[in-house]
Amino acid sequence: MSGALDQAIQAVVEILVEALRAEFEAALARIADLESRAKEEIDRCRLLSKKQVREILNCSLRQLNRWIAEGVLPIVWLDRRPRFDPRDIEALAQKRKLRESPGPAARLRRAA
């Protein structure tokens, strides 16, 4: 009788261990997902320097300063240093991309 009881207890323990293992793995997967999303959010919200903005937009320092002076590119001052929100950079890039490109006649006039 005690052998059958031991086997029943062992079977219940194995079932509980498997259930706990599955719950634990699911919790680890949720934690990894949350960690990944948090890292993406932090990276997205990180402010950029002038050098980083110039590299992203592939523009000169002169052009960048012109956009700042004209108010085209909002600036965030942090410890007396200019910083830029990546969302503003993305918006400026999209606006520049959506601009209508000059036709062939305009390019020929410029070349002449």
Protein backbone atom coordinates (compact mmCIF):
# COMPACT_ATOMS: atom_id res chain seq x y z
CA MET A 1 0.00 0.00 0.00
CA SER A 2 2.75 2.41 0.86
CA GLY A 3 4.44 1.73 -2.51
CA ALA A 4 1.29 2.78 -4.39
CA LEU A 5 0.98 5.89 -2.21
CA ASP A 6 4.61 6.81 -2.86
CA GLN A 7 4.05 6.42 -6.60
CA ALA A 8 0.94 8.60 -6.47
CA ILE A 9 2.80 11.26 -4.50
CA GLN A 10 5.71 11.09 -6.94
CA ALA A 11 3.32 11.49 -9.89
CA VAL A 12 1.66 14.54 -8.27
CA VAL A 13 5.07 16.06 -7.52
CA GLU A 14 6.15 15.59 -11.15
CA ILE A 15 2.95 17.20 -12.41
CA LEU A 16 3.41 20.16 -10.05
CA VAL A 17 7.09 20.55 -11.01
CA GLU A 18 6.18 20.60 -14.73
CA ALA A 19 3.40 23.12 -14.12
CA LEU A 20 5.74 25.35 -12.11
CA ARG A 21 8.46 25.01 -14.74
CA ALA A 22 6.02 26.07 -17.47
CA GLU A 23 4.85 29.06 -15.39
CA PHE A 24 8.43 30.02 -14.63
CA GLU A 25 9.44 29.88 -18.30
CA ALA A 26 6.40 31.95 -19.28
CA ALA A 27 7.26 34.53 -16.62
CA LEU A 28 10.86 34.69 -17.88
CA ALA A 29 9.61 35.20 -21.42
CA ARG A 30 7.34 38.07 -20.25
CA ILE A 31 10.24 39.64 -18.34
CA ALA A 32 12.50 39.40 -21.40
CA ASP A 33 9.80 41.00 -23.55
CA LEU A 34 9.26 43.84 -21.07
CA GLU A 35 13.00 44.38 -20.80
CA SER A 36 13.31 44.55 -24.57
CA ARG A 37 10.44 47.04 -24.86
CA ALA A 38 11.87 49.18 -22.05
CA LYS A 39 15.27 49.27 -23.76
CA GLU A 40 13.66 50.31 -27.05
CA GLU A 41 11.72 53.06 -25.27
CA ILE A 42 14.85 54.32 -23.53
CA ASP A 43 16.79 54.32 -26.82
CA ARG A 44 13.95 56.15 -28.53
CA CYS A 45 13.81 58.81 -25.83
CA ARG A 46 17.55 59.37 -25.58
CA LEU A 47 18.50 62.90 -26.62
CA LEU A 48 21.01 63.33 -29.43
CA SER A 49 24.02 65.62 -29.80
CA LYS A 50 24.70 67.87 -32.79
CA LYS A 51 27.24 65.40 -34.09
CA GLN A 52 24.76 62.53 -33.92
CA VAL A 53 22.08 64.62 -35.65
CA ARG A 54 24.51 65.61 -38.41
CA GLU A 55 25.34 61.93 -38.98
CA ILE A 56 21.67 60.92 -39.05
CA LEU A 57 20.60 63.71 -41.41
CA ASN A 58 23.87 63.70 -43.36
CA CYS A 59 24.11 67.47 -43.23
CA SER A 60 26.76 70.05 -42.44
CA LEU A 61 27.11 71.88 -39.14
CA ARG A 62 26.23 75.07 -40.98
CA GLN A 63 22.94 73.60 -42.24
CA LEU A 64 22.11 72.21 -38.81
CA ASN A 65 22.72 75.61 -37.19
CA ARG A 66 20.55 77.23 -39.88
CA TRP A 67 17.66 74.87 -39.09
CA ILE A 68 18.06 75.65 -35.38
CA ALA A 69 18.10 79.42 -35.99
CA GLU A 70 15.06 79.21 -38.28
CA GLY A 71 13.16 77.14 -35.69
CA VAL A 72 12.84 74.19 -38.08
CA LEU A 73 14.57 71.90 -35.59
CA PRO A 74 13.55 72.20 -31.92
CA ILE A 75 16.39 72.17 -29.43
CA VAL A 76 16.59 70.97 -25.83
CA TRP A 77 19.21 72.58 -23.63
CA LEU A 78 20.77 70.15 -21.18
CA ASP A 79 23.64 71.40 -19.01
CA ARG A 80 24.15 74.28 -21.44
CA ARG A 81 24.56 71.84 -24.30
CA PRO A 82 22.14 71.55 -27.21
CA ARG A 83 20.37 68.22 -27.47
CA PHE A 84 17.74 66.97 -29.87
CA ASP A 85 14.75 64.69 -29.52
CA PRO A 86 14.99 61.74 -31.94
CA ARG A 87 11.30 62.17 -32.80
CA ASP A 88 12.01 65.73 -33.99
CA ILE A 89 14.88 64.46 -36.12
CA GLU A 90 12.63 61.77 -37.61
CA ALA A 91 9.93 64.37 -38.35
CA LEU A 92 12.45 66.65 -40.07
CA ALA A 93 13.81 63.75 -42.11
CA GLN A 94 10.28 62.74 -43.17
CA LYS A 95 9.44 66.32 -44.10
CA ARG A 96 12.60 66.57 -46.20
CA LYS A 97 11.90 63.19 -47.82
CA LEU A 98 8.34 64.14 -48.73
CA ARG A 99 9.42 67.40 -50.33
CA GLU A 100 8.87 67.44 -54.05
CA SER A 101 12.15 67.04 -55.88
CA PRO A 102 12.97 69.54 -58.60
CA GLY A 103 12.21 68.43 -62.14
CA PRO A 104 14.86 67.83 -64.80
CA ALA A 105 14.58 71.39 -66.12
CA ALA A 106 15.44 72.87 -62.73
CA ARG A 107 18.46 70.60 -62.42
CA LEU A 108 19.67 71.62 -65.87
CA ARG A 109 19.31 75.33 -65.02
CA ARG A 110 21.33 74.81 -61.85
CA ALA A 111 24.06 72.99 -63.73
CA ALA A 112 24.42 75.76 -66.31
